[in-house]
Amino acid sequence: MKARLSKQNQGGAQNMNAMIRQAQKMQDDISALQEDIEARSFTATSGGGAVSVTVSGKKTIESLEIKPEVVDPEDIEMLQDLIISAVNEAIGQVEDVTETEMSKVTGGVSLSGLF
């Protein structure tokens, strides 16, 4: 005697397969987007352009430019603040772009911890 699956169960299996395919496509899209973002560069400035920092999508500093006129041996703290500000702004850009573009891929579903 053959076991028969009810039509309801067959539909469930088809729906499950469709969900699995959709999840795999989303995973592939997320991986491609992560690679794309990691290959990009993000630049920010502070102090009216006195300090310029470029970071990669991996959040590593690629370049740092400091205009000579902002270097004051009597006020190193100001220079440190300008550098910190520029670095934080560039990293913030990476995070904003990542969040915005990931939400497009995931349909707004939060997958915190994955990127």
C-alpha atoms as a PDB file:
ATOM      1  CA  MET A   1       0.000   0.000   0.000  1.00  0.00           C
ATOM      2  CA  LYS A   2       1.400   3.409  -0.955  1.00  0.00           C
ATOM      3  CA  ALA A   3       1.439   6.243   1.499  1.00  0.00           C
ATOM      4  CA  ARG A   4      -0.344   9.230   0.150  1.00  0.00           C
ATOM      5  CA  LEU A   5       0.401  12.774   1.097  1.00  0.00           C
ATOM      6  CA  SER A   6      -2.573  14.992   1.293  1.00  0.00           C
ATOM      7  CA  LYS A   7      -2.675  17.870  -1.127  1.00  0.00           C
ATOM      8  CA  GLN A   8      -2.347  20.178   1.841  1.00  0.00           C
ATOM      9  CA  ASN A   9       1.010  18.645   2.771  1.00  0.00           C
ATOM     10  CA  GLN A  10       2.257  18.819  -0.813  1.00  0.00           C
ATOM     11  CA  GLY A  11       1.497  22.519  -0.915  1.00  0.00           C
ATOM     12  CA  GLY A  12       3.340  22.950   2.354  1.00  0.00           C
ATOM     13  CA  ALA A  13       6.397  21.205   0.941  1.00  0.00           C
ATOM     14  CA  GLN A  14       6.310  23.419  -2.153  1.00  0.00           C
ATOM     15  CA  ASN A  15       5.978  26.504   0.002  1.00  0.00           C
ATOM     16  CA  MET A  16       8.898  25.341   2.154  1.00  0.00           C
ATOM     17  CA  ASN A  17      11.043  24.764  -0.945  1.00  0.00           C
ATOM     18  CA  ALA A  18      10.137  28.228  -2.231  1.00  0.00           C
ATOM     19  CA  MET A  19      11.069  29.755   1.127  1.00  0.00           C
ATOM     20  CA  ILE A  20      14.392  27.909   1.111  1.00  0.00           C
ATOM     21  CA  ARG A  21      15.148  29.161  -2.414  1.00  0.00           C
ATOM     22  CA  GLN A  22      14.201  32.694  -1.396  1.00  0.00           C
ATOM     23  CA  ALA A  23      16.405  32.519   1.711  1.00  0.00           C
ATOM     24  CA  GLN A  24      19.331  31.213  -0.377  1.00  0.00           C
ATOM     25  CA  LYS A  25      18.911  34.047  -2.881  1.00  0.00           C
ATOM     26  CA  MET A  26      18.816  36.575  -0.034  1.00  0.00           C
ATOM     27  CA  GLN A  27      21.970  35.059   1.438  1.00  0.00           C
ATOM     28  CA  ASP A  28      23.707  35.282  -1.954  1.00  0.00           C
ATOM     29  CA  ASP A  29      22.559  38.902  -2.372  1.00  0.00           C
ATOM     30  CA  ILE A  30      23.801  39.800   1.118  1.00  0.00           C
ATOM     31  CA  SER A  31      27.202  38.216   0.434  1.00  0.00           C
ATOM     32  CA  ALA A  32      27.533  40.088  -2.861  1.00  0.00           C
ATOM     33  CA  LEU A  33      26.545  43.366  -1.220  1.00  0.00           C
ATOM     34  CA  GLN A  34      29.021  42.855   1.631  1.00  0.00           C
ATOM     35  CA  GLU A  35      31.815  42.288  -0.895  1.00  0.00           C
ATOM     36  CA  ASP A  36      30.753  45.398  -2.821  1.00  0.00           C
ATOM     37  CA  ILE A  37      30.693  47.601   0.286  1.00  0.00           C
ATOM     38  CA  GLU A  38      34.042  46.234   1.500  1.00  0.00           C
ATOM     39  CA  ALA A  39      35.596  47.220  -1.846  1.00  0.00           C
ATOM     40  CA  ARG A  40      34.384  50.830  -1.573  1.00  0.00           C
ATOM     41  CA  SER A  41      36.129  53.818  -0.022  1.00  0.00           C
ATOM     42  CA  PHE A  42      34.472  56.424   2.191  1.00  0.00           C
ATOM     43  CA  THR A  43      35.994  59.853   2.796  1.00  0.00           C
ATOM     44  CA  ALA A  44      35.185  62.376   5.500  1.00  0.00           C
ATOM     45  CA  THR A  45      36.731  65.662   6.535  1.00  0.00           C
ATOM     46  CA  SER A  46      36.797  67.809   9.645  1.00  0.00           C
ATOM     47  CA  GLY A  47      37.983  71.278  10.525  1.00  0.00           C
ATOM     48  CA  GLY A  48      36.767  72.689   7.218  1.00  0.00           C
ATOM     49  CA  GLY A  49      38.880  70.212   5.266  1.00  0.00           C
ATOM     50  CA  ALA A  50      41.961  70.507   7.480  1.00  0.00           C
ATOM     51  CA  VAL A  51      41.836  66.757   8.132  1.00  0.00           C
ATOM     52  CA  SER A  52      40.667  64.222   5.561  1.00  0.00           C
ATOM     53  CA  VAL A  53      40.300  60.503   6.227  1.00  0.00           C
ATOM     54  CA  THR A  54      39.462  57.717   3.805  1.00  0.00           C
ATOM     55  CA  VAL A  55      38.363  54.352   5.148  1.00  0.00           C
ATOM     56  CA  SER A  56      37.507  51.148   3.340  1.00  0.00           C
ATOM     57  CA  GLY A  57      34.181  49.389   3.594  1.00  0.00           C
ATOM     58  CA  LYS A  58      35.994  47.069   5.994  1.00  0.00           C
ATOM     59  CA  LYS A  59      36.417  50.107   8.277  1.00  0.00           C
ATOM     60  CA  THR A  60      40.186  50.292   7.957  1.00  0.00           C
ATOM     61  CA  ILE A  61      41.955  53.599   7.376  1.00  0.00           C
ATOM     62  CA  GLU A  62      43.304  53.856   3.834  1.00  0.00           C
ATOM     63  CA  SER A  63      44.589  57.414   3.999  1.00  0.00           C
ATOM     64  CA  LEU A  64      44.886  60.352   6.353  1.00  0.00           C
ATOM     65  CA  GLU A  65      45.713  63.852   5.168  1.00  0.00           C
ATOM     66  CA  ILE A  66      46.471  66.737   7.507  1.00  0.00           C
ATOM     67  CA  LYS A  67      47.012  70.261   6.199  1.00  0.00           C
ATOM     68  CA  PRO A  68      50.212  71.740   7.643  1.00  0.00           C
ATOM     69  CA  GLU A  69      48.489  74.874   8.913  1.00  0.00           C
ATOM     70  CA  VAL A  70      46.382  72.844  11.355  1.00  0.00           C
ATOM     71  CA  VAL A  71      49.459  71.365  13.058  1.00  0.00           C
ATOM     72  CA  ASP A  72      50.125  73.467  16.133  1.00  0.00           C
ATOM     73  CA  PRO A  73      52.612  71.979  18.598  1.00  0.00           C
ATOM     74  CA  GLU A  74      50.921  74.028  21.311  1.00  0.00           C
ATOM     75  CA  ASP A  75      47.493  72.501  20.587  1.00  0.00           C
ATOM     76  CA  ILE A  76      47.902  68.807  19.827  1.00  0.00           C
ATOM     77  CA  GLU A  77      44.505  68.082  21.399  1.00  0.00           C
ATOM     78  CA  MET A  78      42.718  70.035  18.676  1.00  0.00           C
ATOM     79  CA  LEU A  79      44.472  67.985  15.985  1.00  0.00           C
ATOM     80  CA  GLN A  80      43.582  64.767  17.786  1.00  0.00           C
ATOM     81  CA  ASP A  81      39.936  65.852  17.975  1.00  0.00           C
ATOM     82  CA  LEU A  82      39.884  66.665  14.251  1.00  0.00           C
ATOM     83  CA  ILE A  83      41.319  63.253  13.391  1.00  0.00           C
ATOM     84  CA  ILE A  84      38.877  61.430  15.660  1.00  0.00           C
ATOM     85  CA  SER A  85      35.982  63.396  14.203  1.00  0.00           C
ATOM     86  CA  ALA A  86      36.935  62.617  10.607  1.00  0.00           C
ATOM     87  CA  VAL A  87      37.528  58.914  11.329  1.00  0.00           C
ATOM     88  CA  ASN A  88      34.219  58.576  13.162  1.00  0.00           C
ATOM     89  CA  GLU A  89      32.360  60.338  10.345  1.00  0.00           C
ATOM     90  CA  ALA A  90      33.882  58.041   7.696  1.00  0.00           C
ATOM     91  CA  ILE A  91      33.064  54.921   9.723  1.00  0.00           C
ATOM     92  CA  GLY A  92      29.541  56.248  10.223  1.00  0.00           C
ATOM     93  CA  GLN A  93      29.205  56.542   6.447  1.00  0.00           C
ATOM     94  CA  VAL A  94      30.173  52.874   6.042  1.00  0.00           C
ATOM     95  CA  GLU A  95      27.614  51.842   8.639  1.00  0.00           C
ATOM     96  CA  ASP A  96      24.846  54.015   7.158  1.00  0.00           C
ATOM     97  CA  VAL A  97      25.412  52.714   3.625  1.00  0.00           C
ATOM     98  CA  THR A  98      25.597  49.133   4.875  1.00  0.00           C
ATOM     99  CA  GLU A  99      22.359  49.464   6.841  1.00  0.00           C
ATOM    100  CA  THR A 100      20.492  51.213   4.008  1.00  0.00           C
ATOM    101  CA  GLU A 101      21.587  48.822   1.289  1.00  0.00           C
ATOM    102  CA  MET A 102      21.128  45.709   3.427  1.00  0.00           C
ATOM    103  CA  SER A 103      17.567  46.739   4.261  1.00  0.00           C
ATOM    104  CA  LYS A 104      16.859  46.864   0.518  1.00  0.00           C
ATOM    105  CA  VAL A 105      18.105  43.280   0.153  1.00  0.00           C
ATOM    106  CA  THR A 106      16.374  41.951   3.249  1.00  0.00           C
ATOM    107  CA  GLY A 107      13.137  43.836   2.739  1.00  0.00           C
ATOM    108  CA  GLY A 108      13.618  45.723   5.983  1.00  0.00           C
ATOM    109  CA  VAL A 109      14.041  42.590   8.097  1.00  0.00           C
ATOM    110  CA  SER A 110      16.730  43.222  10.707  1.00  0.00           C
ATOM    111  CA  LEU A 111      19.520  40.682  10.563  1.00  0.00           C
ATOM    112  CA  SER A 112      21.648  42.344  13.217  1.00  0.00           C
ATOM    113  CA  GLY A 113      24.906  40.611  13.902  1.00  0.00           C
ATOM    114  CA  LEU A 114      25.264  39.351  10.335  1.00  0.00           C
ATOM    115  CA  PHE A 115      26.870  42.485   8.879  1.00  0.00           C
END
